[in-house]
PDB file of N, CA and C in Angstrom:
ATOM      1  N   UNK A   1      35.987  -6.570  22.154  1.00  0.00           N
ATOM      2  CA  UNK A   1      35.141  -6.103  23.258  1.00  0.00           C
ATOM      3  C   UNK A   1      34.650  -4.621  22.865  1.00  0.00           C
ATOM      4  N   UNK A   2      35.496  -3.829  22.381  1.00  0.00           N
ATOM      5  CA  UNK A   2      35.253  -2.507  22.017  1.00  0.00           C
ATOM      6  C   UNK A   2      34.184  -2.427  20.909  1.00  0.00           C
ATOM      7  N   UNK A   3      34.406  -3.368  19.990  1.00  0.00           N
ATOM      8  CA  UNK A   3      33.491  -3.495  18.777  1.00  0.00           C
ATOM      9  C   UNK A   3      32.126  -3.787  19.214  1.00  0.00           C
ATOM     10  N   UNK A   4      31.987  -4.828  20.167  1.00  0.00           N
ATOM     11  CA  UNK A   4      30.711  -5.222  20.796  1.00  0.00           C
ATOM     12  C   UNK A   4      29.849  -3.983  21.283  1.00  0.00           C
ATOM     13  N   UNK A   5      30.744  -3.245  22.063  1.00  0.00           N
ATOM     14  CA  UNK A   5      30.075  -2.183  22.854  1.00  0.00           C
ATOM     15  C   UNK A   5      29.595  -1.067  21.779  1.00  0.00           C
ATOM     16  N   UNK A   6      30.508  -0.869  20.833  1.00  0.00           N
ATOM     17  CA  UNK A   6      30.156   0.044  19.647  1.00  0.00           C
ATOM     18  C   UNK A   6      28.937  -0.429  18.923  1.00  0.00           C
ATOM     19  N   UNK A   7      28.986  -1.613  18.591  1.00  0.00           N
ATOM     20  CA  UNK A   7      27.736  -2.202  17.740  1.00  0.00           C
ATOM     21  C   UNK A   7      26.565  -2.050  18.563  1.00  0.00           C
ATOM     22  N   UNK A   8      26.519  -2.459  19.936  1.00  0.00           N
ATOM     23  CA  UNK A   8      25.390  -2.545  20.722  1.00  0.00           C
ATOM     24  C   UNK A   8      24.860  -1.081  20.844  1.00  0.00           C
ATOM     25  N   UNK A   9      25.684  -0.179  21.076  1.00  0.00           N
ATOM     26  CA  UNK A   9      25.254   1.292  21.273  1.00  0.00           C
ATOM     27  C   UNK A   9      24.628   1.774  20.068  1.00  0.00           C
ATOM     28  N   UNK A  10      25.149   1.560  18.826  1.00  0.00           N
ATOM     29  CA  UNK A  10      24.503   1.798  17.703  1.00  0.00           C
ATOM     30  C   UNK A  10      23.188   1.203  17.375  1.00  0.00           C
ATOM     31  N   UNK A  11      22.996  -0.098  17.655  1.00  0.00           N
ATOM     32  CA  UNK A  11      21.688  -0.773  17.585  1.00  0.00           C
ATOM     33  C   UNK A  11      20.792  -0.075  18.529  1.00  0.00           C
ATOM     34  N   UNK A  12      21.000  -0.040  19.799  1.00  0.00           N
ATOM     35  CA  UNK A  12      20.101   0.646  20.891  1.00  0.00           C
ATOM     36  C   UNK A  12      19.872   2.097  20.592  1.00  0.00           C
ATOM     37  N   UNK A  13      20.817   2.841  20.080  1.00  0.00           N
ATOM     38  CA  UNK A  13      20.545   4.206  19.603  1.00  0.00           C
ATOM     39  C   UNK A  13      19.588   4.302  18.465  1.00  0.00           C
ATOM     40  N   UNK A  14      19.700   3.568  17.492  1.00  0.00           N
ATOM     41  CA  UNK A  14      18.899   3.651  16.341  1.00  0.00           C
ATOM     42  C   UNK A  14      17.401   3.200  16.770  1.00  0.00           C
ATOM     43  N   UNK A  15      17.441   2.179  17.767  1.00  0.00           N
ATOM     44  CA  UNK A  15      16.074   1.689  18.162  1.00  0.00           C
ATOM     45  C   UNK A  15      15.341   2.886  18.992  1.00  0.00           C
ATOM     46  N   UNK A  16      16.133   3.592  19.739  1.00  0.00           N
ATOM     47  CA  UNK A  16      15.672   4.609  20.491  1.00  0.00           C
ATOM     48  C   UNK A  16      15.173   5.809  19.431  1.00  0.00           C
ATOM     49  N   UNK A  17      15.934   5.986  18.511  1.00  0.00           N
ATOM     50  CA  UNK A  17      15.595   7.054  17.614  1.00  0.00           C
ATOM     51  C   UNK A  17      14.231   6.643  16.835  1.00  0.00           C
ATOM     52  N   UNK A  18      14.208   5.448  16.467  1.00  0.00           N
ATOM     53  CA  UNK A  18      12.921   4.997  15.706  1.00  0.00           C
ATOM     54  C   UNK A  18      11.577   5.037  16.671  1.00  0.00           C
ATOM     55  N   UNK A  19      12.027   4.629  17.862  1.00  0.00           N
ATOM     56  CA  UNK A  19      10.819   4.649  18.890  1.00  0.00           C
ATOM     57  C   UNK A  19      10.409   6.193  19.031  1.00  0.00           C
ATOM     58  N   UNK A  20      11.433   7.055  19.170  1.00  0.00           N
ATOM     59  CA  UNK A  20      11.075   8.453  19.369  1.00  0.00           C
ATOM     60  C   UNK A  20      10.298   9.169  18.346  1.00  0.00           C
ATOM     61  N   UNK A  21      10.701   8.601  16.952  1.00  0.00           N
ATOM     62  CA  UNK A  21       9.967   9.231  15.777  1.00  0.00           C
ATOM     63  C   UNK A  21       8.663   8.667  15.784  1.00  0.00           C
ATOM     64  N   UNK A  22       8.465   7.477  16.084  1.00  0.00           N
ATOM     65  CA  UNK A  22       7.069   6.703  16.000  1.00  0.00           C
ATOM     66  C   UNK A  22       6.242   7.629  16.996  1.00  0.00           C
ATOM     67  N   UNK A  23       6.669   7.878  18.182  1.00  0.00           N
ATOM     68  CA  UNK A  23       5.842   8.572  19.178  1.00  0.00           C
ATOM     69  C   UNK A  23       5.526   9.938  18.614  1.00  0.00           C
ATOM     70  N   UNK A  24       6.420  10.610  18.144  1.00  0.00           N
ATOM     71  CA  UNK A  24       6.315  11.767  17.684  1.00  0.00           C
ATOM     72  C   UNK A  24       5.141  11.963  16.539  1.00  0.00           C
ATOM     73  N   UNK A  25       5.318  11.030  15.660  1.00  0.00           N
ATOM     74  CA  UNK A  25       4.479  10.845  14.417  1.00  0.00           C
ATOM     75  C   UNK A  25       2.947  10.400  14.947  1.00  0.00           C
ATOM     76  N   UNK A  26       2.889   9.642  15.982  1.00  0.00           N
ATOM     77  CA  UNK A  26       1.564   9.191  16.536  1.00  0.00           C
ATOM     78  C   UNK A  26       0.831  10.294  17.250  1.00  0.00           C
ATOM     79  N   UNK A  27       1.604  11.323  17.677  1.00  0.00           N
ATOM     80  CA  UNK A  27       1.100  12.457  18.384  1.00  0.00           C
ATOM     81  C   UNK A  27       0.303  13.512  17.396  1.00  0.00           C
ATOM     82  N   UNK A  28       0.781  13.407  16.159  1.00  0.00           N
ATOM     83  CA  UNK A  28       0.210  14.182  15.131  1.00  0.00           C
ATOM     84  C   UNK A  28      -1.154  13.954  14.740  1.00  0.00           C
ATOM     85  N   UNK A  29      -1.581  12.651  14.967  1.00  0.00           N
ATOM     86  CA  UNK A  29      -2.839  12.204  14.475  1.00  0.00           C
ATOM     87  C   UNK A  29      -2.778  11.677  13.257  1.00  0.00           C
ATOM     88  N   UNK A  30      -3.840  10.879  12.881  1.00  0.00           N
ATOM     89  CA  UNK A  30      -3.886  10.073  11.555  1.00  0.00           C
ATOM     90  C   UNK A  30      -3.708  10.863  10.385  1.00  0.00           C
ATOM     91  N   UNK A  31      -4.311  11.854  10.136  1.00  0.00           N
ATOM     92  CA  UNK A  31      -4.291  12.544   8.832  1.00  0.00           C
ATOM     93  C   UNK A  31      -2.955  13.388   8.713  1.00  0.00           C
ATOM     94  N   UNK A  32      -2.512  13.987  10.022  1.00  0.00           N
ATOM     95  CA  UNK A  32      -1.348  14.904   9.840  1.00  0.00           C
ATOM     96  C   UNK A  32      -0.125  14.149   9.655  1.00  0.00           C
ATOM     97  N   UNK A  33      -0.019  12.768  10.032  1.00  0.00           N
ATOM     98  CA  UNK A  33       1.182  12.169   9.897  1.00  0.00           C
ATOM     99  C   UNK A  33       1.073  11.189   8.576  1.00  0.00           C
ATOM    100  N   UNK A  34       0.022  11.358   7.859  1.00  0.00           N
ATOM    101  CA  UNK A  34      -0.158  10.565   6.641  1.00  0.00           C
ATOM    102  C   UNK A  34       0.796  10.899   5.479  1.00  0.00           C
ATOM    103  N   UNK A  35       1.343   9.862   4.952  1.00  0.00           N
ATOM    104  CA  UNK A  35       2.447  10.146   3.956  1.00  0.00           C
ATOM    105  C   UNK A  35       1.784  10.810   2.613  1.00  0.00           C
ATOM    106  N   UNK A  36       0.567  10.682   2.310  1.00  0.00           N
ATOM    107  CA  UNK A  36       0.009  11.282   1.128  1.00  0.00           C
ATOM    108  C   UNK A  36      -0.938  12.406   1.410  1.00  0.00           C
ATOM    109  N   UNK A  37      -0.725  13.110   2.607  1.00  0.00           N
ATOM    110  CA  UNK A  37      -1.627  14.155   3.039  1.00  0.00           C
ATOM    111  C   UNK A  37      -1.650  15.198   2.083  1.00  0.00           C
ATOM    112  N   UNK A  38      -0.624  15.479   1.274  1.00  0.00           N
ATOM    113  CA  UNK A  38      -0.815  16.527   0.241  1.00  0.00           C
ATOM    114  C   UNK A  38      -1.624  16.143  -1.022  1.00  0.00           C
ATOM    115  N   UNK A  39      -1.976  14.854  -1.156  1.00  0.00           N
ATOM    116  CA  UNK A  39      -2.756  14.503  -2.256  1.00  0.00           C
ATOM    117  C   UNK A  39      -4.220  14.296  -1.913  1.00  0.00           C
ATOM    118  N   UNK A  40      -4.543  14.598  -0.651  1.00  0.00           N
ATOM    119  CA  UNK A  40      -5.974  14.536  -0.166  1.00  0.00           C
ATOM    120  C   UNK A  40      -6.620  15.665  -0.664  1.00  0.00           C
ATOM    121  N   UNK A  41      -7.792  15.307  -1.318  1.00  0.00           N
ATOM    122  CA  UNK A  41      -8.738  16.573  -1.792  1.00  0.00           C
ATOM    123  C   UNK A  41      -9.614  17.075  -0.752  1.00  0.00           C
ATOM    124  N   UNK A  42     -10.071  16.107   0.140  1.00  0.00           N
ATOM    125  CA  UNK A  42     -10.808  16.605   1.345  1.00  0.00           C
ATOM    126  C   UNK A  42     -10.156  16.256   2.476  1.00  0.00           C
ATOM    127  N   UNK A  43      -9.863  17.359   3.332  1.00  0.00           N
ATOM    128  CA  UNK A  43      -9.113  17.242   4.432  1.00  0.00           C
ATOM    129  C   UNK A  43      -9.868  16.548   5.539  1.00  0.00           C
ATOM    130  N   UNK A  44     -11.239  16.599   5.496  1.00  0.00           N
ATOM    131  CA  UNK A  44     -12.069  16.123   6.578  1.00  0.00           C
ATOM    132  C   UNK A  44     -12.064  14.614   6.481  1.00  0.00           C
ATOM    133  N   UNK A  45     -11.838  14.029   5.370  1.00  0.00           N
ATOM    134  CA  UNK A  45     -11.847  12.545   5.254  1.00  0.00           C
ATOM    135  C   UNK A  45     -10.223  12.274   4.789  1.00  0.00           C
ATOM    136  N   UNK A  46      -9.704  11.513   5.658  1.00  0.00           N
ATOM    137  CA  UNK A  46      -8.225  11.120   5.498  1.00  0.00           C
ATOM    138  C   UNK A  46      -8.189  10.015   4.397  1.00  0.00           C
ATOM    139  N   UNK A  47      -7.272  10.040   3.428  1.00  0.00           N
ATOM    140  CA  UNK A  47      -7.134   9.061   2.547  1.00  0.00           C
ATOM    141  C   UNK A  47      -6.872   7.697   3.168  1.00  0.00           C
ATOM    142  N   UNK A  48      -5.950   7.699   4.153  1.00  0.00           N
ATOM    143  CA  UNK A  48      -5.561   6.445   4.724  1.00  0.00           C
ATOM    144  C   UNK A  48      -6.768   5.774   5.376  1.00  0.00           C
ATOM    145  N   UNK A  49      -7.715   6.353   5.801  1.00  0.00           N
ATOM    146  CA  UNK A  49      -8.859   5.815   6.519  1.00  0.00           C
ATOM    147  C   UNK A  49      -9.634   5.231   5.521  1.00  0.00           C
ATOM    148  N   UNK A  50      -9.799   5.640   4.225  1.00  0.00           N
ATOM    149  CA  UNK A  50     -10.482   5.028   3.175  1.00  0.00           C
ATOM    150  C   UNK A  50      -9.739   3.727   2.707  1.00  0.00           C
ATOM    151  N   UNK A  51      -8.457   3.738   2.602  1.00  0.00           N
ATOM    152  CA  UNK A  51      -7.659   2.576   2.181  1.00  0.00           C
ATOM    153  C   UNK A  51      -7.608   1.475   3.236  1.00  0.00           C
ATOM    154  N   UNK A  52      -7.804   1.973   4.586  1.00  0.00           N
ATOM    155  CA  UNK A  52      -7.962   0.874   5.568  1.00  0.00           C
ATOM    156  C   UNK A  52      -9.037  -0.151   5.563  1.00  0.00           C
ATOM    157  N   UNK A  53     -10.185   0.412   5.105  1.00  0.00           N
ATOM    158  CA  UNK A  53     -11.356  -0.318   5.087  1.00  0.00           C
ATOM    159  C   UNK A  53     -11.311  -1.402   3.978  1.00  0.00           C
ATOM    160  N   UNK A  54     -11.625  -2.553   4.360  1.00  0.00           N
ATOM    161  CA  UNK A  54     -11.460  -3.613   3.299  1.00  0.00           C
ATOM    162  C   UNK A  54     -13.020  -4.093   2.821  1.00  0.00           C
TER     163      UNK A  54
END
C-alpha cells in the first residue's frame, strides 16, 4: 500500500514538473525556446520555423 502511494506520487510529481516546464518554455516564444537558438545566424528568422515547412 505504501509502495503504491509512493509510486503514484512520483508519477504525478514528474507529470506536474513536465507540465510546468512545458508551460514555462511555451511562454518564452518559438525562437527563445528553440534548442538550436545559438546556431541561428539570423535571429529574425528562427531555424525551427524553416525546418517546420515541408
